[in-house]
Amino acid sequence: SKNYDGLFLMRNFDPLFKESIFKVDLQPYFLLQRSLIGNT
């Protein structure tokens, strides 16, 4: 609740640029409870 106002959904994806010197991981969230209460 402190950072995301409660319940959220999270998804992992395969890293980007795996063959390069840098590997980038993106982890998006959908903030379910924030969307239901309509404020933060």
PDB file of all heavy atoms in Angstrom:
ATOM      1  N   SER A   1       0.816  -1.216   0.000  1.00  0.00           N
ATOM      2  CA  SER A   1       0.000   0.000   0.000  1.00  0.00           C
ATOM      3  C   SER A   1       0.848   1.263   0.000  1.00  0.00           C
ATOM      4  O   SER A   1       0.414   2.302  -0.492  1.00  0.00           O
ATOM      5  CB  SER A   1      -0.930  -0.009   1.220  1.00  0.00           C
ATOM      6  OG  SER A   1      -0.170  -0.069   2.416  1.00  0.00           O
ATOM      7  N   LYS A   2       2.064   1.199   0.538  1.00  0.00           N
ATOM      8  CA  LYS A   2       2.900   2.390   0.613  1.00  0.00           C
ATOM      9  C   LYS A   2       3.328   2.875  -0.763  1.00  0.00           C
ATOM     10  O   LYS A   2       3.308   4.070  -1.057  1.00  0.00           O
ATOM     11  CB  LYS A   2       4.132   2.098   1.472  1.00  0.00           C
ATOM     12  CG  LYS A   2       5.086   3.279   1.573  1.00  0.00           C
ATOM     13  CD  LYS A   2       6.299   2.922   2.417  1.00  0.00           C
ATOM     14  CE  LYS A   2       7.278   4.084   2.483  1.00  0.00           C
ATOM     15  NZ  LYS A   2       8.481   3.741   3.274  1.00  0.00           N
ATOM     16  N   ASN A   3       3.711   1.937  -1.628  1.00  0.00           N
ATOM     17  CA  ASN A   3       4.249   2.323  -2.933  1.00  0.00           C
ATOM     18  C   ASN A   3       3.243   2.225  -4.071  1.00  0.00           C
ATOM     19  O   ASN A   3       3.335   2.968  -5.048  1.00  0.00           O
ATOM     20  CB  ASN A   3       5.463   1.450  -3.269  1.00  0.00           C
ATOM     21  CG  ASN A   3       6.630   1.718  -2.355  1.00  0.00           C
ATOM     22  OD1 ASN A   3       6.873   2.849  -1.970  1.00  0.00           O
ATOM     23  ND2 ASN A   3       7.352   0.671  -2.004  1.00  0.00           N
ATOM     24  N   TYR A   4       2.283   1.276  -3.960  1.00  0.00           N
ATOM     25  CA  TYR A   4       1.396   1.004  -5.084  1.00  0.00           C
ATOM     26  C   TYR A   4      -0.084   1.051  -4.718  1.00  0.00           C
ATOM     27  O   TYR A   4      -0.918   0.590  -5.481  1.00  0.00           O
ATOM     28  CB  TYR A   4       1.729  -0.361  -5.691  1.00  0.00           C
ATOM     29  CG  TYR A   4       3.158  -0.481  -6.172  1.00  0.00           C
ATOM     30  CD1 TYR A   4       4.039  -1.386  -5.594  1.00  0.00           C
ATOM     31  CD2 TYR A   4       3.622   0.323  -7.207  1.00  0.00           C
ATOM     32  CE1 TYR A   4       5.344  -1.491  -6.034  1.00  0.00           C
ATOM     33  CE2 TYR A   4       4.924   0.226  -7.657  1.00  0.00           C
ATOM     34  CZ  TYR A   4       5.783  -0.685  -7.065  1.00  0.00           C
ATOM     35  OH  TYR A   4       7.073  -0.781  -7.500  1.00  0.00           O
ATOM     36  N   ASP A   5      -0.402   1.554  -3.525  1.00  0.00           N
ATOM     37  CA  ASP A   5      -1.796   1.696  -3.084  1.00  0.00           C
ATOM     38  C   ASP A   5      -2.512   0.353  -2.940  1.00  0.00           C
ATOM     39  O   ASP A   5      -3.738   0.300  -2.953  1.00  0.00           O
ATOM     40  CB  ASP A   5      -2.591   2.601  -4.032  1.00  0.00           C
ATOM     41  CG  ASP A   5      -2.081   4.032  -4.026  1.00  0.00           C
ATOM     42  OD1 ASP A   5      -2.177   4.674  -2.970  1.00  0.00           O
ATOM     43  OD2 ASP A   5      -1.568   4.480  -5.058  1.00  0.00           O
ATOM     44  N   GLY A   6      -1.776  -0.734  -2.823  1.00  0.00           N
ATOM     45  CA  GLY A   6      -2.421  -2.028  -2.589  1.00  0.00           C
ATOM     46  C   GLY A   6      -2.105  -3.056  -3.652  1.00  0.00           C
ATOM     47  O   GLY A   6      -0.978  -3.148  -4.155  1.00  0.00           O
ATOM     48  N   LEU A   7      -3.110  -3.822  -4.038  1.00  0.00           N
ATOM     49  CA  LEU A   7      -2.946  -4.975  -4.923  1.00  0.00           C
ATOM     50  C   LEU A   7      -2.500  -4.553  -6.317  1.00  0.00           C
ATOM     51  O   LEU A   7      -2.994  -3.581  -6.876  1.00  0.00           O
ATOM     52  CB  LEU A   7      -4.272  -5.736  -5.010  1.00  0.00           C
ATOM     53  CG  LEU A   7      -4.261  -7.080  -5.731  1.00  0.00           C
ATOM     54  CD1 LEU A   7      -3.428  -8.092  -4.972  1.00  0.00           C
ATOM     55  CD2 LEU A   7      -5.691  -7.591  -5.894  1.00  0.00           C
ATOM     56  N   PHE A   8      -1.543  -5.306  -6.882  1.00  0.00           N
ATOM     57  CA  PHE A   8      -1.081  -5.031  -8.234  1.00  0.00           C
ATOM     58  C   PHE A   8      -0.765  -6.346  -8.947  1.00  0.00           C
ATOM     59  O   PHE A   8      -0.593  -7.396  -8.322  1.00  0.00           O
ATOM     60  CB  PHE A   8       0.161  -4.131  -8.233  1.00  0.00           C
ATOM     61  CG  PHE A   8       1.338  -4.693  -7.482  1.00  0.00           C
ATOM     62  CD1 PHE A   8       2.210  -5.590  -8.081  1.00  0.00           C
ATOM     63  CD2 PHE A   8       1.573  -4.324  -6.160  1.00  0.00           C
ATOM     64  CE1 PHE A   8       3.284  -6.110  -7.390  1.00  0.00           C
ATOM     65  CE2 PHE A   8       2.642  -4.837  -5.459  1.00  0.00           C
ATOM     66  CZ  PHE A   8       3.504  -5.736  -6.075  1.00  0.00           C
ATOM     67  N   LEU A   9      -0.691  -6.273 -10.268  1.00  0.00           N
ATOM     68  CA  LEU A   9      -0.280  -7.403 -11.104  1.00  0.00           C
ATOM     69  C   LEU A   9       1.059  -7.065 -11.734  1.00  0.00           C
ATOM     70  O   LEU A   9       1.293  -5.925 -12.142  1.00  0.00           O
ATOM     71  CB  LEU A   9      -1.313  -7.666 -12.208  1.00  0.00           C
ATOM     72  CG  LEU A   9      -2.744  -7.975 -11.738  1.00  0.00           C
ATOM     73  CD1 LEU A   9      -3.666  -8.121 -12.948  1.00  0.00           C
ATOM     74  CD2 LEU A   9      -2.774  -9.249 -10.901  1.00  0.00           C
ATOM     75  N   MET A  10       1.940  -8.075 -11.819  1.00  0.00           N
ATOM     76  CA  MET A  10       3.300  -7.845 -12.281  1.00  0.00           C
ATOM     77  C   MET A  10       3.639  -8.901 -13.325  1.00  0.00           C
ATOM     78  O   MET A  10       3.193 -10.034 -13.238  1.00  0.00           O
ATOM     79  CB  MET A  10       4.241  -7.943 -11.085  1.00  0.00           C
ATOM     80  CG  MET A  10       5.694  -7.710 -11.354  1.00  0.00           C
ATOM     81  SD  MET A  10       6.630  -7.795  -9.799  1.00  0.00           S
ATOM     82  CE  MET A  10       6.395  -9.518  -9.353  1.00  0.00           C
ATOM     83  N   ARG A  11       4.449  -8.526 -14.327  1.00  0.00           N
ATOM     84  CA  ARG A  11       4.788  -9.452 -15.408  1.00  0.00           C
ATOM     85  C   ARG A  11       6.280  -9.343 -15.728  1.00  0.00           C
ATOM     86  O   ARG A  11       6.814  -8.249 -15.850  1.00  0.00           O
ATOM     87  CB  ARG A  11       3.959  -9.122 -16.658  1.00  0.00           C
ATOM     88  CG  ARG A  11       4.396  -9.814 -17.937  1.00  0.00           C
ATOM     89  CD  ARG A  11       4.138 -11.320 -17.892  1.00  0.00           C
ATOM     90  NE  ARG A  11       4.811 -12.028 -18.991  1.00  0.00           N
ATOM     91  CZ  ARG A  11       4.281 -12.241 -20.189  1.00  0.00           C
ATOM     92  NH1 ARG A  11       3.068 -11.783 -20.455  1.00  0.00           N
ATOM     93  NH2 ARG A  11       4.953 -12.898 -21.109  1.00  0.00           N
ATOM     94  N   ASN A  12       6.942 -10.510 -15.857  1.00  0.00           N
ATOM     95  CA  ASN A  12       8.331 -10.554 -16.307  1.00  0.00           C
ATOM     96  C   ASN A  12       8.398 -10.856 -17.804  1.00  0.00           C
ATOM     97  O   ASN A  12       7.597 -11.638 -18.317  1.00  0.00           O
ATOM     98  CB  ASN A  12       9.108 -11.635 -15.555  1.00  0.00           C
ATOM     99  CG  ASN A  12       9.408 -11.232 -14.135  1.00  0.00           C
ATOM    100  OD1 ASN A  12       9.710 -10.090 -13.872  1.00  0.00           O
ATOM    101  ND2 ASN A  12       9.315 -12.179 -13.214  1.00  0.00           N
ATOM    102  N   PHE A  13       9.368 -10.247 -18.482  1.00  0.00           N
ATOM    103  CA  PHE A  13       9.618 -10.525 -19.885  1.00  0.00           C
ATOM    104  C   PHE A  13      11.053 -11.006 -20.060  1.00  0.00           C
ATOM    105  O   PHE A  13      11.891 -10.844 -19.174  1.00  0.00           O
ATOM    106  CB  PHE A  13       9.395  -9.265 -20.737  1.00  0.00           C
ATOM    107  CG  PHE A  13       7.961  -8.821 -20.811  1.00  0.00           C
ATOM    108  CD1 PHE A  13       7.469  -7.842 -19.944  1.00  0.00           C
ATOM    109  CD2 PHE A  13       7.101  -9.380 -21.736  1.00  0.00           C
ATOM    110  CE1 PHE A  13       6.152  -7.430 -20.016  1.00  0.00           C
ATOM    111  CE2 PHE A  13       5.779  -8.976 -21.815  1.00  0.00           C
ATOM    112  CZ  PHE A  13       5.303  -8.004 -20.947  1.00  0.00           C
ATOM    113  N   ASP A  14      11.341 -11.587 -21.202  1.00  0.00           N
ATOM    114  CA  ASP A  14      12.717 -11.946 -21.517  1.00  0.00           C
ATOM    115  C   ASP A  14      13.573 -10.692 -21.570  1.00  0.00           C
ATOM    116  O   ASP A  14      13.122  -9.627 -22.013  1.00  0.00           O
ATOM    117  CB  ASP A  14      12.794 -12.665 -22.863  1.00  0.00           C
ATOM    118  CG  ASP A  14      12.223 -14.069 -22.800  1.00  0.00           C
ATOM    119  OD1 ASP A  14      12.172 -14.621 -21.686  1.00  0.00           O
ATOM    120  OD2 ASP A  14      11.821 -14.597 -23.847  1.00  0.00           O
ATOM    121  N   PRO A  15      14.843 -10.776 -21.135  1.00  0.00           N
ATOM    122  CA  PRO A  15      15.731  -9.603 -21.189  1.00  0.00           C
ATOM    123  C   PRO A  15      15.924  -9.111 -22.612  1.00  0.00           C
ATOM    124  O   PRO A  15      15.922  -9.890 -23.572  1.00  0.00           O
ATOM    125  CB  PRO A  15      17.048 -10.133 -20.601  1.00  0.00           C
ATOM    126  CG  PRO A  15      16.669 -11.334 -19.817  1.00  0.00           C
ATOM    127  CD  PRO A  15      15.494 -11.941 -20.518  1.00  0.00           C
ATOM    128  N   LEU A  16      16.095  -7.807 -22.733  1.00  0.00           N
ATOM    129  CA  LEU A  16      16.400  -7.187 -24.021  1.00  0.00           C
ATOM    130  C   LEU A  16      17.915  -7.153 -24.230  1.00  0.00           C
ATOM    131  O   LEU A  16      18.689  -7.091 -23.269  1.00  0.00           O
ATOM    132  CB  LEU A  16      15.849  -5.769 -24.070  1.00  0.00           C
ATOM    133  CG  LEU A  16      14.338  -5.595 -23.817  1.00  0.00           C
ATOM    134  CD1 LEU A  16      13.986  -4.112 -23.788  1.00  0.00           C
ATOM    135  CD2 LEU A  16      13.524  -6.320 -24.880  1.00  0.00           C
ATOM    136  N   PHE A  17      18.330  -7.189 -25.482  1.00  0.00           N
ATOM    137  CA  PHE A  17      19.747  -7.071 -25.864  1.00  0.00           C
ATOM    138  C   PHE A  17      20.613  -8.130 -25.183  1.00  0.00           C
ATOM    139  O   PHE A  17      21.717  -7.844 -24.706  1.00  0.00           O
ATOM    140  CB  PHE A  17      20.284  -5.668 -25.532  1.00  0.00           C
ATOM    141  CG  PHE A  17      19.360  -4.551 -25.884  1.00  0.00           C
ATOM    142  CD1 PHE A  17      18.828  -3.729 -24.904  1.00  0.00           C
ATOM    143  CD2 PHE A  17      18.993  -4.325 -27.197  1.00  0.00           C
ATOM    144  CE1 PHE A  17      17.967  -2.700 -25.220  1.00  0.00           C
ATOM    145  CE2 PHE A  17      18.132  -3.302 -27.529  1.00  0.00           C
ATOM    146  CZ  PHE A  17      17.608  -2.488 -26.529  1.00  0.00           C
ATOM    147  N   LYS A  18      20.120  -9.368 -25.104  1.00  0.00           N
ATOM    148  CA  LYS A  18      20.843 -10.424 -24.397  1.00  0.00           C
ATOM    149  C   LYS A  18      22.203 -10.720 -25.023  1.00  0.00           C
ATOM    150  O   LYS A  18      23.116 -11.188 -24.340  1.00  0.00           O
ATOM    151  CB  LYS A  18      20.005 -11.702 -24.378  1.00  0.00           C
ATOM    152  CG  LYS A  18      18.788 -11.625 -23.471  1.00  0.00           C
ATOM    153  CD  LYS A  18      18.106 -12.967 -23.343  1.00  0.00           C
ATOM    154  CE  LYS A  18      17.481 -13.410 -24.649  1.00  0.00           C
ATOM    155  NZ  LYS A  18      16.718 -14.667 -24.493  1.00  0.00           N
ATOM    156  N   GLU A  19      22.348 -10.475 -26.304  1.00  0.00           N
ATOM    157  CA  GLU A  19      23.597 -10.784 -26.977  1.00  0.00           C
ATOM    158  C   GLU A  19      24.601  -9.637 -26.905  1.00  0.00           C
ATOM    159  O   GLU A  19      25.738  -9.788 -27.340  1.00  0.00           O
ATOM    160  CB  GLU A  19      23.324 -11.128 -28.448  1.00  0.00           C
ATOM    161  CG  GLU A  19      22.329 -12.260 -28.654  1.00  0.00           C
ATOM    162  CD  GLU A  19      22.774 -13.540 -27.973  1.00  0.00           C
ATOM    163  OE1 GLU A  19      23.995 -13.805 -27.961  1.00  0.00           O
ATOM    164  OE2 GLU A  19      21.907 -14.271 -27.456  1.00  0.00           O
ATOM    165  N   SER A  20      24.206  -8.491 -26.366  1.00  0.00           N
ATOM    166  CA  SER A  20      25.105  -7.345 -26.288  1.00  0.00           C
ATOM    167  C   SER A  20      25.769  -7.302 -24.921  1.00  0.00           C
ATOM    168  O   SER A  20      25.552  -8.153 -24.070  1.00  0.00           O
ATOM    169  CB  SER A  20      24.337  -6.050 -26.547  1.00  0.00           C
ATOM    170  OG  SER A  20      23.469  -5.770 -25.469  1.00  0.00           O
ATOM    171  N   ILE A  21      26.592  -6.294 -24.702  1.00  0.00           N
ATOM    172  CA  ILE A  21      27.293  -6.149 -23.433  1.00  0.00           C
ATOM    173  C   ILE A  21      26.342  -5.790 -22.299  1.00  0.00           C
ATOM    174  O   ILE A  21      26.602  -6.062 -21.139  1.00  0.00           O
ATOM    175  CB  ILE A  21      28.423  -5.104 -23.552  1.00  0.00           C
ATOM    176  CG1 ILE A  21      29.341  -5.151 -22.327  1.00  0.00           C
ATOM    177  CG2 ILE A  21      27.854  -3.713 -23.756  1.00  0.00           C
ATOM    178  CD1 ILE A  21      30.553  -4.256 -22.442  1.00  0.00           C
ATOM    179  N   PHE A  22      25.197  -5.192 -22.642  1.00  0.00           N
ATOM    180  CA  PHE A  22      24.202  -4.820 -21.641  1.00  0.00           C
ATOM    181  C   PHE A  22      22.964  -5.711 -21.771  1.00  0.00           C
ATOM    182  O   PHE A  22      22.496  -5.982 -22.876  1.00  0.00           O
ATOM    183  CB  PHE A  22      23.781  -3.352 -21.799  1.00  0.00           C
ATOM    184  CG  PHE A  22      24.839  -2.373 -21.402  1.00  0.00           C
ATOM    185  CD1 PHE A  22      25.647  -1.776 -22.354  1.00  0.00           C
ATOM    186  CD2 PHE A  22      25.031  -2.048 -20.070  1.00  0.00           C
ATOM    187  CE1 PHE A  22      26.625  -0.869 -21.992  1.00  0.00           C
ATOM    188  CE2 PHE A  22      26.002  -1.145 -19.687  1.00  0.00           C
ATOM    189  CZ  PHE A  22      26.804  -0.562 -20.662  1.00  0.00           C
ATOM    190  N   LYS A  23      22.443  -6.142 -20.640  1.00  0.00           N
ATOM    191  CA  LYS A  23      21.192  -6.885 -20.588  1.00  0.00           C
ATOM    192  C   LYS A  23      20.179  -6.037 -19.835  1.00  0.00           C
ATOM    193  O   LYS A  23      20.450  -5.566 -18.726  1.00  0.00           O
ATOM    194  CB  LYS A  23      21.380  -8.227 -19.889  1.00  0.00           C
ATOM    195  CG  LYS A  23      20.123  -9.074 -19.853  1.00  0.00           C
ATOM    196  CD  LYS A  23      20.363 -10.418 -19.172  1.00  0.00           C
ATOM    197  CE  LYS A  23      20.529 -10.267 -17.675  1.00  0.00           C
ATOM    198  NZ  LYS A  23      20.613 -11.572 -16.995  1.00  0.00           N
ATOM    199  N   VAL A  24      19.005  -5.839 -20.424  1.00  0.00           N
ATOM    200  CA  VAL A  24      17.987  -4.951 -19.857  1.00  0.00           C
ATOM    201  C   VAL A  24      16.738  -5.766 -19.530  1.00  0.00           C
ATOM    202  O   VAL A  24      16.176  -6.427 -20.411  1.00  0.00           O
ATOM    203  CB  VAL A  24      17.634  -3.804 -20.826  1.00  0.00           C
ATOM    204  CG1 VAL A  24      16.576  -2.896 -20.208  1.00  0.00           C
ATOM    205  CG2 VAL A  24      18.885  -3.013 -21.190  1.00  0.00           C
ATOM    206  N   ASP A  25      16.339  -5.728 -18.270  1.00  0.00           N
ATOM    207  CA  ASP A  25      15.105  -6.385 -17.825  1.00  0.00           C
ATOM    208  C   ASP A  25      14.048  -5.324 -17.533  1.00  0.00           C
ATOM    209  O   ASP A  25      14.293  -4.387 -16.759  1.00  0.00           O
ATOM    210  CB  ASP A  25      15.339  -7.205 -16.555  1.00  0.00           C
ATOM    211  CG  ASP A  25      15.753  -8.623 -16.862  1.00  0.00           C
ATOM    212  OD1 ASP A  25      15.266  -9.164 -17.868  1.00  0.00           O
ATOM    213  OD2 ASP A  25      16.549  -9.189 -16.109  1.00  0.00           O
ATOM    214  N   LEU A  26      12.877  -5.474 -18.123  1.00  0.00           N
ATOM    215  CA  LEU A  26      11.747  -4.584 -17.859  1.00  0.00           C
ATOM    216  C   LEU A  26      10.666  -5.376 -17.132  1.00  0.00           C
ATOM    217  O   LEU A  26      10.295  -6.466 -17.568  1.00  0.00           O
ATOM    218  CB  LEU A  26      11.184  -4.009 -19.160  1.00  0.00           C
ATOM    219  CG  LEU A  26      12.158  -3.211 -20.031  1.00  0.00           C
ATOM    220  CD1 LEU A  26      11.451  -2.731 -21.292  1.00  0.00           C
ATOM    221  CD2 LEU A  26      12.744  -2.042 -19.262  1.00  0.00           C
ATOM    222  N   GLN A  27      10.154  -4.816 -16.042  1.00  0.00           N
ATOM    223  CA  GLN A  27       9.119  -5.484 -15.267  1.00  0.00           C
ATOM    224  C   GLN A  27       7.969  -4.500 -15.033  1.00  0.00           C
ATOM    225  O   GLN A  27       8.019  -3.673 -14.133  1.00  0.00           O
ATOM    226  CB  GLN A  27       9.690  -5.954 -13.927  1.00  0.00           C
ATOM    227  CG  GLN A  27       8.770  -6.845 -13.132  1.00  0.00           C
ATOM    228  CD  GLN A  27       9.447  -7.367 -11.882  1.00  0.00           C
ATOM    229  OE1 GLN A  27       9.640  -6.629 -10.927  1.00  0.00           O
ATOM    230  NE2 GLN A  27       9.812  -8.637 -11.890  1.00  0.00           N
ATOM    231  N   PRO A  28       6.936  -4.577 -15.871  1.00  0.00           N
ATOM    232  CA  PRO A  28       5.813  -3.648 -15.727  1.00  0.00           C
ATOM    233  C   PRO A  28       4.809  -4.108 -14.671  1.00  0.00           C
ATOM    234  O   PRO A  28       4.684  -5.303 -14.386  1.00  0.00           O
ATOM    235  CB  PRO A  28       5.187  -3.649 -17.120  1.00  0.00           C
ATOM    236  CG  PRO A  28       5.492  -5.007 -17.659  1.00  0.00           C
ATOM    237  CD  PRO A  28       6.817  -5.414 -17.078  1.00  0.00           C
ATOM    238  N   TYR A  29       4.106  -3.145 -14.105  1.00  0.00           N
ATOM    239  CA  TYR A  29       3.062  -3.391 -13.116  1.00  0.00           C
ATOM    240  C   TYR A  29       1.749  -2.771 -13.610  1.00  0.00           C
ATOM    241  O   TYR A  29       1.765  -1.680 -14.188  1.00  0.00           O
ATOM    242  CB  TYR A  29       3.393  -2.732 -11.767  1.00  0.00           C
ATOM    243  CG  TYR A  29       4.633  -3.206 -11.069  1.00  0.00           C
ATOM    244  CD1 TYR A  29       5.904  -2.853 -11.525  1.00  0.00           C
ATOM    245  CD2 TYR A  29       4.541  -3.984  -9.926  1.00  0.00           C
ATOM    246  CE1 TYR A  29       7.040  -3.260 -10.864  1.00  0.00           C
ATOM    247  CE2 TYR A  29       5.678  -4.386  -9.252  1.00  0.00           C
ATOM    248  CZ  TYR A  29       6.919  -4.028  -9.720  1.00  0.00           C
ATOM    249  OH  TYR A  29       8.043  -4.428  -9.056  1.00  0.00           O
ATOM    250  N   PHE A  30       0.662  -3.460 -13.331  1.00  0.00           N
ATOM    251  CA  PHE A  30      -0.654  -2.828 -13.440  1.00  0.00           C
ATOM    252  C   PHE A  30      -1.202  -2.699 -12.032  1.00  0.00           C
ATOM    253  O   PHE A  30      -1.383  -3.694 -11.320  1.00  0.00           O
ATOM    254  CB  PHE A  30      -1.615  -3.645 -14.304  1.00  0.00           C
ATOM    255  CG  PHE A  30      -3.002  -3.067 -14.334  1.00  0.00           C
ATOM    256  CD1 PHE A  30      -3.259  -1.863 -14.968  1.00  0.00           C
ATOM    257  CD2 PHE A  30      -4.057  -3.715 -13.691  1.00  0.00           C
ATOM    258  CE1 PHE A  30      -4.525  -1.314 -14.982  1.00  0.00           C
ATOM    259  CE2 PHE A  30      -5.335  -3.175 -13.700  1.00  0.00           C
ATOM    260  CZ  PHE A  30      -5.562  -1.974 -14.348  1.00  0.00           C
ATOM    261  N   LEU A  31      -1.476  -1.467 -11.601  1.00  0.00           N
ATOM    262  CA  LEU A  31      -1.846  -1.183 -10.213  1.00  0.00           C
ATOM    263  C   LEU A  31      -3.354  -1.295 -10.068  1.00  0.00           C
ATOM    264  O   LEU A  31      -4.097  -0.327 -10.208  1.00  0.00           O
ATOM    265  CB  LEU A  31      -1.337   0.202  -9.819  1.00  0.00           C
ATOM    266  CG  LEU A  31       0.153   0.432 -10.146  1.00  0.00           C
ATOM    267  CD1 LEU A  31       0.608   1.784  -9.677  1.00  0.00           C
ATOM    268  CD2 LEU A  31       1.013  -0.677  -9.548  1.00  0.00           C
ATOM    269  N   LEU A  32      -3.776  -2.508  -9.765  1.00  0.00           N
ATOM    270  CA  LEU A  32      -5.196  -2.847  -9.778  1.00  0.00           C
ATOM    271  C   LEU A  32      -5.977  -2.056  -8.733  1.00  0.00           C
ATOM    272  O   LEU A  32      -7.022  -1.466  -9.036  1.00  0.00           O
ATOM    273  CB  LEU A  32      -5.357  -4.349  -9.553  1.00  0.00           C
ATOM    274  CG  LEU A  32      -6.776  -4.893  -9.557  1.00  0.00           C
ATOM    275  CD1 LEU A  32      -7.451  -4.637 -10.893  1.00  0.00           C
ATOM    276  CD2 LEU A  32      -6.774  -6.393  -9.238  1.00  0.00           C
ATOM    277  N   GLN A  33      -5.467  -2.034  -7.510  1.00  0.00           N
ATOM    278  CA  GLN A  33      -6.225  -1.361  -6.457  1.00  0.00           C
ATOM    279  C   GLN A  33      -6.249   0.153  -6.654  1.00  0.00           C
ATOM    280  O   GLN A  33      -7.245   0.809  -6.347  1.00  0.00           O
ATOM    281  CB  GLN A  33      -5.636  -1.718  -5.082  1.00  0.00           C
ATOM    282  CG  GLN A  33      -6.537  -1.324  -3.919  1.00  0.00           C
ATOM    283  CD  GLN A  33      -6.184  -2.075  -2.653  1.00  0.00           C
ATOM    284  OE1 GLN A  33      -5.571  -3.129  -2.689  1.00  0.00           O
ATOM    285  NE2 GLN A  33      -6.581  -1.524  -1.518  1.00  0.00           N
ATOM    286  N   ARG A  34      -5.170   0.718  -7.175  1.00  0.00           N
ATOM    287  CA  ARG A  34      -5.154   2.158  -7.463  1.00  0.00           C
ATOM    288  C   ARG A  34      -6.210   2.494  -8.508  1.00  0.00           C
ATOM    289  O   ARG A  34      -6.870   3.540  -8.435  1.00  0.00           O
ATOM    290  CB  ARG A  34      -3.767   2.592  -7.934  1.00  0.00           C
ATOM    291  CG  ARG A  34      -3.632   4.084  -8.175  1.00  0.00           C
ATOM    292  CD  ARG A  34      -2.239   4.461  -8.652  1.00  0.00           C
ATOM    293  NE  ARG A  34      -1.231   4.262  -7.621  1.00  0.00           N
ATOM    294  CZ  ARG A  34       0.078   4.473  -7.820  1.00  0.00           C
ATOM    295  NH1 ARG A  34       0.517   4.866  -9.007  1.00  0.00           N
ATOM    296  NH2 ARG A  34       0.940   4.275  -6.842  1.00  0.00           N
ATOM    297  N   SER A  35      -6.383   1.597  -9.494  1.00  0.00           N
ATOM    298  CA  SER A  35      -7.389   1.851 -10.527  1.00  0.00           C
ATOM    299  C   SER A  35      -8.802   1.761  -9.960  1.00  0.00           C
ATOM    300  O   SER A  35      -9.708   2.467 -10.414  1.00  0.00           O
ATOM    301  CB  SER A  35      -7.218   0.846 -11.661  1.00  0.00           C
ATOM    302  OG  SER A  35      -7.583  -0.464 -11.262  1.00  0.00           O
ATOM    303  N   LEU A  36      -9.002   0.904  -8.942  1.00  0.00           N
ATOM    304  CA  LEU A  36     -10.343   0.739  -8.378  1.00  0.00           C
ATOM    305  C   LEU A  36     -10.735   1.893  -7.461  1.00  0.00           C
ATOM    306  O   LEU A  36     -11.877   2.339  -7.466  1.00  0.00           O
ATOM    307  CB  LEU A  36     -10.419  -0.588  -7.619  1.00  0.00           C
ATOM    308  CG  LEU A  36     -10.288  -1.860  -8.476  1.00  0.00           C
ATOM    309  CD1 LEU A  36     -10.277  -3.097  -7.584  1.00  0.00           C
ATOM    310  CD2 LEU A  36     -11.416  -1.951  -9.489  1.00  0.00           C
ATOM    311  N   ILE A  37      -9.772   2.396  -6.665  1.00  0.00           N
ATOM    312  CA  ILE A  37     -10.111   3.472  -5.735  1.00  0.00           C
ATOM    313  C   ILE A  37     -10.132   4.838  -6.430  1.00  0.00           C
ATOM    314  O   ILE A  37     -10.707   5.792  -5.908  1.00  0.00           O
ATOM    315  CB  ILE A  37      -9.157   3.500  -4.528  1.00  0.00           C
ATOM    316  CG1 ILE A  37      -7.717   3.743  -4.970  1.00  0.00           C
ATOM    317  CG2 ILE A  37      -9.253   2.192  -3.753  1.00  0.00           C
ATOM    318  CD1 ILE A  37      -6.718   3.803  -3.797  1.00  0.00           C
ATOM    319  N   GLY A  38      -9.467   4.967  -7.585  1.00  0.00           N
ATOM    320  CA  GLY A  38      -9.556   6.187  -8.366  1.00  0.00           C
ATOM    321  C   GLY A  38      -8.681   7.322  -7.895  1.00  0.00           C
ATOM    322  O   GLY A  38      -8.798   8.445  -8.404  1.00  0.00           O
ATOM    323  N   ASN A  39      -7.787   7.065  -6.927  1.00  0.00           N
ATOM    324  CA  ASN A  39      -6.830   8.081  -6.496  1.00  0.00           C
ATOM    325  C   ASN A  39      -5.622   7.350  -5.908  1.00  0.00           C
ATOM    326  O   ASN A  39      -5.568   6.124  -5.881  1.00  0.00           O
ATOM    327  CB  ASN A  39      -7.443   9.056  -5.485  1.00  0.00           C
ATOM    328  CG  ASN A  39      -8.072   8.336  -4.298  1.00  0.00           C
ATOM    329  OD1 ASN A  39      -7.400   7.620  -3.569  1.00  0.00           O
ATOM    330  ND2 ASN A  39      -9.383   8.509  -4.118  1.00  0.00           N
ATOM    331  N   THR A  40      -4.659   8.122  -5.419  1.00  0.00           N
ATOM    332  CA  THR A  40      -3.450   7.527  -4.865  1.00  0.00           C
ATOM    333  C   THR A  40      -3.018   8.242  -3.592  1.00  0.00           C
ATOM    334  O   THR A  40      -3.192   9.456  -3.458  1.00  0.00           O
ATOM    335  CB  THR A  40      -2.300   7.565  -5.894  1.00  0.00           C
ATOM    336  OG1 THR A  40      -1.113   7.031  -5.292  1.00  0.00           O
ATOM    337  CG2 THR A  40      -2.022   8.974  -6.381  1.00  0.00           C
TER     338      THR A  40
END
